[in-house]
């Protein structure tokens, strides 16, 4: 990118960051957002994101303001898209008077709908990775090289994008700020549950919004039983929609393990994970919450996307390699789910024990 582009970005005070995905994606964009914010002391950073992404943004100190929008060019909402909402968004962005917009996408997404929105809102400087030639929709852009020429972790991808404007950070870790009220409530829960009273303990989060990223309930139950036999007690988490899944796993176990499914908001989940010795989960948002508070992760990693492994924390990433890897599908297109089913419960338990032992040592 040219020296003139770096100068334009160094002069910009009001920045719009566009990341319209969910919690994990916003958290993985955090280091890049922090780099953008740190360029000048008077810079304000507003994040345009989804309703779930906003939950993460509220815990990120580098984000000054949040605009929530369920974009029609992203995964469609249950009720369908509303063209009027896009029109209202353009009007709101126009009124905010942003100096520049950085558009963050995964490589399978086009930045051009967001770029057009920012262009129509009169934001004069617009940055993104782009596969197509964007002409006037982007003033600054990096050619899309993924996946043909390289594949980067999602965190590195977004850091590389903002580095092209001269924005860099010495701290590339994920981070979020856990409110004291959330810590206090979780402290009370842990006093009641007393996990690890006879040894160590682990948080197990079995759910995921995508069926392709869920380890089978029976195998989860067996893995958790093995953990208990190793002297590691288990605390289950999940949102309200995952209570039934958690209860199914618990019903298959002979030992009683508490469930907090549906009882914690995101800040409280972060507080719980900050207190936990380890998280066992699939490749879903809580993995990145754990990484943001420095908690080790055993990640049952469905091979849907190569870019979302735990970042910056001790981890064990478990999968069975398959020819159909990197399918980018919410439902296993082959129907066999072998990338996860090929991971035995014994492997899950052994990886957890090994990770805990390494931290203790």
Protein backbone atom coordinates (compact mmCIF):
# COMPACT_ATOMS: atom_id res chain seq x y z
CA UNK A 1 0.00 0.00 0.00
CA UNK A 2 1.29 3.46 -0.86
CA UNK A 3 2.75 6.06 1.48
CA UNK A 4 -0.26 8.26 0.66
CA UNK A 5 -2.60 5.54 1.94
CA UNK A 6 -0.69 5.26 5.22
CA UNK A 7 -0.88 9.05 5.56
CA UNK A 8 -4.67 9.03 4.99
CA UNK A 9 -5.07 6.43 7.70
CA UNK A 10 -2.76 8.19 10.15
CA UNK A 11 -4.89 11.33 9.81
CA UNK A 12 -8.21 9.53 10.39
CA UNK A 13 -9.73 10.07 13.86
CA UNK A 14 -13.21 8.52 13.60
CA UNK A 15 -12.83 4.91 12.44
CA UNK A 16 -15.59 2.47 11.52
CA UNK A 17 -14.59 -1.18 11.79
CA UNK A 18 -16.98 -3.58 10.03
CA UNK A 19 -17.10 -7.16 11.32
CA UNK A 20 -20.57 -8.56 10.77
CA UNK A 21 -19.93 -12.09 12.03
CA UNK A 22 -20.37 -13.56 15.50
CA UNK A 23 -18.63 -13.64 18.90
CA UNK A 24 -15.55 -15.66 17.98
CA UNK A 25 -14.91 -13.69 14.80
CA UNK A 26 -15.11 -10.37 16.65
CA UNK A 27 -12.73 -11.62 19.34
CA UNK A 28 -10.26 -12.85 16.71
CA UNK A 29 -10.39 -9.39 15.11
CA UNK A 30 -9.55 -7.83 18.48
CA UNK A 31 -5.76 -7.52 18.00
CA UNK A 32 -6.30 -5.77 14.65
CA UNK A 33 -8.84 -3.41 16.24
CA UNK A 34 -6.37 -2.68 19.04
CA UNK A 35 -3.69 -1.90 16.44
CA UNK A 36 -6.03 0.50 14.64
CA UNK A 37 -6.99 2.25 17.86
CA UNK A 38 -3.38 2.68 19.00
CA UNK A 39 -2.25 4.73 15.99
CA UNK A 40 -3.24 8.00 17.65
CA UNK A 41 -4.43 8.90 21.11
CA UNK A 42 -7.53 10.80 19.99
CA UNK A 43 -8.84 8.04 17.72
CA UNK A 44 -12.35 6.68 18.29
CA UNK A 45 -13.24 3.20 17.07
CA UNK A 46 -16.83 2.18 16.33
CA UNK A 47 -17.61 -1.44 15.50
CA UNK A 48 -20.42 -2.31 13.10
CA UNK A 49 -21.36 -5.89 13.91
CA UNK A 50 -24.16 -8.41 14.44
CA UNK A 51 -26.20 -8.64 17.63
CA UNK A 52 -24.10 -11.58 18.86
CA UNK A 53 -20.85 -9.88 17.84
CA UNK A 54 -21.92 -6.87 19.90
CA UNK A 55 -21.91 -9.03 23.05
CA UNK A 56 -18.18 -9.56 22.59
CA UNK A 57 -17.51 -5.95 21.57
CA UNK A 58 -18.99 -4.70 24.84
CA UNK A 59 -16.16 -6.48 26.68
CA UNK A 60 -13.38 -5.08 24.47
CA UNK A 61 -11.86 -1.83 25.81
CA UNK A 62 -10.50 -0.80 22.40
CA UNK A 63 -14.06 -0.46 21.05
CA UNK A 64 -15.59 2.93 21.88
CA UNK A 65 -19.02 2.38 20.36
CA UNK A 66 -21.05 -0.37 18.70
CA UNK A 67 -23.60 -0.27 15.88
CA UNK A 68 -25.70 -3.44 15.59
CA UNK A 69 -26.89 -4.51 12.16
CA UNK A 70 -28.01 -7.88 10.82
CA UNK A 71 -26.70 -7.42 7.29
CA UNK A 72 -28.72 -8.76 4.39
CA UNK A 73 -25.54 -9.96 2.67
CA UNK A 74 -24.55 -12.18 5.59
CA UNK A 75 -26.32 -15.36 6.76
CA UNK A 76 -30.04 -14.59 6.43
CA UNK A 77 -32.10 -14.04 9.54
CA UNK A 78 -35.04 -16.33 10.24
CA UNK A 79 -37.47 -13.60 9.24
CA UNK A 80 -35.67 -12.74 6.00
CA UNK A 81 -33.82 -9.56 5.07
CA UNK A 82 -35.20 -6.04 5.40
CA UNK A 83 -34.04 -3.60 2.68
CA UNK A 84 -35.26 -0.75 4.85
CA UNK A 85 -32.79 -1.71 7.55
CA UNK A 86 -29.92 -1.35 5.08
CA UNK A 87 -31.21 2.07 4.04
CA UNK A 88 -31.47 3.17 7.66
CA UNK A 89 -27.94 1.94 8.28
CA UNK A 90 -26.58 4.09 5.46
CA UNK A 91 -28.37 7.10 6.93
CA UNK A 92 -26.92 6.42 10.38
CA UNK A 93 -23.39 5.99 9.06
CA UNK A 94 -23.75 9.19 7.03
CA UNK A 95 -24.69 11.10 10.16
CA UNK A 96 -21.72 9.77 12.14
CA UNK A 97 -19.15 11.42 9.88
CA UNK A 98 -16.58 8.62 9.88
CA UNK A 99 -13.16 9.40 8.41
CA UNK A 100 -12.33 5.82 7.39
CA UNK A 101 -13.75 2.28 7.39
CA UNK A 102 -11.88 -1.01 7.74
CA UNK A 103 -13.90 -3.99 6.52
CA UNK A 104 -12.95 -7.37 8.02
CA UNK A 105 -14.03 -10.58 6.28
CA UNK A 106 -13.07 -14.23 6.03
CA UNK A 107 -11.74 -15.10 2.61
CA UNK A 108 -14.98 -16.75 1.49
CA UNK A 109 -16.88 -13.48 2.03
CA UNK A 110 -17.02 -10.52 -0.33
CA UNK A 111 -16.32 -7.12 1.25
CA UNK A 112 -18.11 -5.27 -1.55
CA UNK A 113 -21.63 -5.01 -0.04
CA UNK A 114 -20.12 -3.42 3.07
CA UNK A 115 -17.82 -1.29 0.91
CA UNK A 116 -20.80 -0.03 -1.10
CA UNK A 117 -22.66 0.75 2.12
CA UNK A 118 -19.71 2.77 3.43
CA UNK A 119 -19.29 4.50 0.04
CA UNK A 120 -22.96 5.51 -0.02
CA UNK A 121 -22.56 6.81 3.53
CA UNK A 122 -19.80 9.12 2.34
CA UNK A 123 -16.95 7.50 4.28
CA UNK A 124 -13.98 8.71 2.22
CA UNK A 125 -11.37 6.03 3.04
CA UNK A 126 -12.31 2.34 2.77
CA UNK A 127 -10.06 -0.71 3.32
CA UNK A 128 -10.53 -4.48 2.82
CA UNK A 129 -9.15 -7.65 1.32
CA UNK A 130 -10.84 -8.11 -2.06
CA UNK A 131 -10.80 -10.83 -4.71
CA UNK A 132 -12.49 -8.78 -7.42
CA UNK A 133 -11.22 -5.42 -8.65
CA UNK A 134 -13.23 -3.01 -6.47
CA UNK A 135 -12.75 0.15 -8.55
CA UNK A 136 -14.15 3.06 -6.58
CA UNK A 137 -15.77 1.03 -3.79
CA UNK A 138 -12.46 0.63 -1.96
CA UNK A 139 -9.82 3.34 -1.77
CA UNK A 140 -7.29 0.92 -0.21
CA UNK A 141 -7.32 -2.83 -0.73
CA UNK A 142 -5.18 -5.91 -0.52
CA UNK A 143 -5.60 -8.58 -3.21
CA UNK A 144 -7.29 -11.71 -1.83
CA UNK A 145 -4.63 -14.42 -1.86
CA UNK A 146 -6.45 -17.03 0.22
CA UNK A 147 -6.80 -19.94 -0.13
CA UNK A 148 -5.01 -20.32 -3.46
CA UNK A 149 -1.63 -18.91 -2.37
CA UNK A 150 -1.71 -19.09 1.42
CA UNK A 151 -3.98 -19.72 4.40
CA UNK A 152 -3.52 -17.68 7.56
CA UNK A 153 -5.07 -17.85 10.98
CA UNK A 154 -7.99 -15.45 11.19
CA UNK A 155 -6.12 -13.28 13.71
CA UNK A 156 -3.08 -13.00 11.43
CA UNK A 157 -5.26 -12.23 8.40
CA UNK A 158 -6.81 -9.21 10.08
CA UNK A 159 -3.52 -8.02 11.58
CA UNK A 160 -2.01 -8.12 8.08
CA UNK A 161 -4.90 -6.04 6.75
CA UNK A 162 -4.44 -3.15 9.18
CA UNK A 163 -0.63 -3.40 9.03
CA UNK A 164 -0.95 -2.27 5.41
CA UNK A 165 -2.11 1.11 6.77
CA UNK A 166 0.78 1.30 9.25
CA UNK A 167 -1.29 0.07 12.21
CA UNK A 168 0.59 -2.48 14.31
CA UNK A 169 0.54 -3.71 17.89
CA UNK A 170 3.13 -5.32 20.11
CA UNK A 171 0.40 -7.34 21.82
CA UNK A 172 -1.21 -9.78 19.40
CA UNK A 173 -3.10 -11.78 22.03
CA UNK A 174 -6.87 -11.93 22.20
CA UNK A 175 -8.26 -10.00 25.14
CA UNK A 176 -11.45 -8.91 26.81
CA UNK A 177 -12.30 -7.20 30.08
CA UNK A 178 -14.41 -9.19 32.53
CA UNK A 179 -16.70 -6.91 34.60
CA UNK A 180 -16.33 -7.20 38.35
CA UNK A 181 -20.02 -8.00 38.75
CA UNK A 182 -19.60 -11.03 36.49
CA UNK A 183 -16.56 -12.21 38.44
CA UNK A 184 -18.46 -11.83 41.72
CA UNK A 185 -21.44 -13.87 40.53
CA UNK A 186 -19.21 -16.62 39.18
CA UNK A 187 -17.18 -16.67 42.39
CA UNK A 188 -20.43 -17.35 44.24
CA UNK A 189 -21.36 -20.14 41.83
CA UNK A 190 -17.95 -21.77 42.22
CA UNK A 191 -18.17 -21.59 46.00
CA UNK A 192 -21.47 -23.47 45.77
CA UNK A 193 -20.34 -26.05 43.23
CA UNK A 194 -16.82 -26.53 44.61
CA UNK A 195 -15.40 -27.93 41.35
CA UNK A 196 -12.03 -29.55 41.76
CA UNK A 197 -12.56 -30.07 45.48
CA UNK A 198 -10.99 -33.50 45.14
CA UNK A 199 -8.60 -32.69 42.32
CA UNK A 200 -8.67 -30.60 39.16
CA UNK A 201 -11.64 -29.46 37.08
CA UNK A 202 -12.61 -28.55 33.54
CA UNK A 203 -15.33 -26.58 31.81
CA UNK A 204 -16.97 -28.57 29.00
CA UNK A 205 -18.93 -26.66 26.36
CA UNK A 206 -20.40 -29.23 23.96
CA UNK A 207 -22.63 -27.01 21.86
CA UNK A 208 -22.12 -25.12 18.62
CA UNK A 209 -24.40 -23.19 16.29
CA UNK A 210 -23.27 -25.48 13.45
CA UNK A 211 -24.13 -29.17 13.61
CA UNK A 212 -20.94 -29.97 11.67
CA UNK A 213 -18.88 -28.75 14.63
CA UNK A 214 -20.54 -30.81 17.39
CA UNK A 215 -18.82 -33.85 18.86
CA UNK A 216 -21.42 -36.65 19.37
CA UNK A 217 -23.17 -36.55 22.78
CA UNK A 218 -22.42 -40.19 23.63
CA UNK A 219 -18.74 -39.70 22.93
CA UNK A 220 -18.73 -36.50 25.02
CA UNK A 221 -20.29 -38.44 27.89
CA UNK A 222 -17.64 -41.13 27.70
CA UNK A 223 -14.84 -38.55 27.55
CA UNK A 224 -16.24 -36.80 30.61
CA UNK A 225 -16.57 -40.09 32.49
CA UNK A 226 -12.90 -40.72 31.78
CA UNK A 227 -12.02 -37.28 33.10
CA UNK A 228 -13.90 -37.98 36.32
CA UNK A 229 -12.00 -41.25 36.71
CA UNK A 230 -8.79 -39.21 36.38
CA UNK A 231 -9.95 -37.06 39.31
CA UNK A 232 -11.03 -34.15 37.09
CA UNK A 233 -14.52 -32.85 37.81
CA UNK A 234 -16.60 -31.36 35.01
CA UNK A 235 -18.79 -28.25 34.80
CA UNK A 236 -20.98 -27.98 31.69
CA UNK A 237 -21.84 -24.71 29.96
CA UNK A 238 -24.03 -23.71 27.04
CA UNK A 239 -26.71 -21.23 26.09
CA UNK A 240 -30.43 -21.83 26.64
CA UNK A 241 -30.80 -23.64 23.32
CA UNK A 242 -28.08 -26.09 24.37
CA UNK A 243 -29.64 -27.20 27.65
CA UNK A 244 -31.19 -30.26 26.04
CA UNK A 245 -27.84 -31.29 24.55
CA UNK A 246 -26.07 -30.85 27.88
CA UNK A 247 -28.79 -32.78 29.69
CA UNK A 248 -28.51 -35.62 27.18
CA UNK A 249 -24.77 -35.89 27.83
CA UNK A 250 -25.26 -35.78 31.59
CA UNK A 251 -27.99 -38.45 31.40
CA UNK A 252 -25.49 -40.80 29.74
CA UNK A 253 -23.00 -40.36 32.58
CA UNK A 254 -22.96 -42.37 35.80
CA UNK A 255 -21.47 -39.46 37.77
CA UNK A 256 -23.32 -36.25 38.51
CA UNK A 257 -21.73 -33.18 36.91
CA UNK A 258 -23.30 -29.72 37.28
CA UNK A 259 -24.67 -27.76 34.35
CA UNK A 260 -24.69 -23.99 33.98
CA UNK A 261 -26.28 -24.16 30.53
CA UNK A 262 -28.56 -21.17 30.04
CA UNK A 263 -27.49 -19.56 33.32
CA UNK A 264 -24.55 -17.38 32.24
CA UNK A 265 -24.32 -14.36 29.99
CA UNK A 266 -21.16 -13.84 27.94
CA UNK A 267 -19.39 -11.80 30.62
CA UNK A 268 -20.14 -14.49 33.21
CA UNK A 269 -18.96 -17.23 30.86
CA UNK A 270 -15.72 -15.28 30.44
CA UNK A 271 -15.41 -15.02 34.23
CA UNK A 272 -15.96 -18.77 34.59
CA UNK A 273 -13.39 -19.55 31.91
CA UNK A 274 -10.89 -17.15 33.50
CA UNK A 275 -11.20 -19.17 36.70
CA UNK A 276 -11.12 -22.58 34.98
CA UNK A 277 -7.91 -24.60 34.54
CA UNK A 278 -9.00 -25.76 31.07
CA UNK A 279 -11.86 -25.65 28.56
CA UNK A 280 -12.96 -28.65 26.49
CA UNK A 281 -15.06 -27.57 23.49
CA UNK A 282 -15.53 -27.69 19.74
CA UNK A 283 -14.32 -24.95 17.42
CA UNK A 284 -16.89 -22.40 18.53
CA UNK A 285 -17.07 -18.99 20.22
CA UNK A 286 -16.20 -20.06 23.80
CA UNK A 287 -12.80 -21.30 22.56
CA UNK A 288 -11.93 -17.73 21.64
CA UNK A 289 -13.42 -16.41 24.88
CA UNK A 290 -11.09 -18.80 26.72
CA UNK A 291 -8.14 -17.61 24.65
CA UNK A 292 -9.10 -14.01 25.48
CA UNK A 293 -8.78 -14.70 29.23
CA UNK A 294 -5.68 -16.89 28.92
CA UNK A 295 -7.27 -20.28 29.59
CA UNK A 296 -5.86 -23.44 27.93
CA UNK A 297 -8.14 -25.24 25.49
CA UNK A 298 -8.74 -28.79 24.30
CA UNK A 299 -10.40 -28.11 20.96
CA UNK A 300 -12.42 -30.85 19.24
CA UNK A 301 -11.76 -29.28 15.89
CA UNK A 302 -14.15 -30.11 13.07
CA UNK A 303 -12.31 -29.56 9.79
CA UNK A 304 -14.76 -27.02 8.43
CA UNK A 305 -12.29 -24.10 8.38
CA UNK A 306 -8.50 -24.08 8.90
CA UNK A 307 -8.29 -20.58 10.38
CA UNK A 308 -9.96 -20.74 13.78
CA UNK A 309 -7.73 -22.79 16.09
CA UNK A 310 -7.06 -21.43 19.62
CA UNK A 311 -4.80 -18.39 19.43
CA UNK A 312 -2.06 -17.56 21.90
CA UNK A 313 -2.86 -20.07 24.66
CA UNK A 314 -1.69 -23.64 25.38
CA UNK A 315 -3.96 -25.99 23.47
CA UNK A 316 -4.51 -29.45 22.07
CA UNK A 317 -6.34 -29.48 18.74
CA UNK A 318 -7.97 -32.86 18.08
CA UNK A 319 -9.34 -34.07 14.75
CA UNK A 320 -9.29 -36.98 12.31
CA UNK A 321 -7.92 -35.89 8.95
CA UNK A 322 -10.37 -36.51 6.10
CA UNK A 323 -10.32 -35.88 2.32
CA UNK A 324 -13.37 -33.60 2.65
CA UNK A 325 -11.65 -31.22 5.10
CA UNK A 326 -12.27 -27.46 4.83
CA UNK A 327 -15.84 -27.88 3.67
CA UNK A 328 -17.06 -24.57 5.20
CA UNK A 329 -20.39 -26.27 5.86
CA UNK A 330 -22.74 -25.96 8.83
CA UNK A 331 -23.91 -29.54 8.24
CA UNK A 332 -21.48 -32.33 7.31
CA UNK A 333 -21.91 -32.60 3.51
CA UNK A 334 -20.73 -36.22 3.51
CA UNK A 335 -23.00 -37.25 6.38
CA UNK A 336 -20.31 -39.22 8.24
CA UNK A 337 -18.90 -36.48 10.51
CA UNK A 338 -15.65 -38.46 10.50
CA UNK A 339 -13.35 -35.53 11.26
CA UNK A 340 -14.86 -35.52 14.77
CA UNK A 341 -16.15 -39.08 15.15
CA UNK A 342 -12.62 -40.26 14.44
CA UNK A 343 -11.44 -38.66 17.70
CA UNK A 344 -11.91 -41.18 20.51
CA UNK A 345 -13.15 -40.19 23.99
CA UNK A 346 -9.89 -41.60 25.32
CA UNK A 347 -7.96 -39.11 23.18
CA UNK A 348 -10.09 -36.26 24.54
CA UNK A 349 -9.50 -37.28 28.14
CA UNK A 350 -5.79 -37.91 27.62
CA UNK A 351 -5.30 -34.53 25.92
CA UNK A 352 -7.07 -32.80 28.80
CA UNK A 353 -4.99 -34.58 31.42
CA UNK A 354 -1.79 -33.83 29.51
CA UNK A 355 -2.66 -30.15 29.15
CA UNK A 356 -3.52 -29.82 32.83
CA UNK A 357 -0.30 -31.59 33.82
CA UNK A 358 1.74 -29.27 31.60
CA UNK A 359 0.19 -26.22 33.26
CA UNK A 360 0.82 -27.63 36.74
CA UNK A 361 4.45 -28.31 35.84
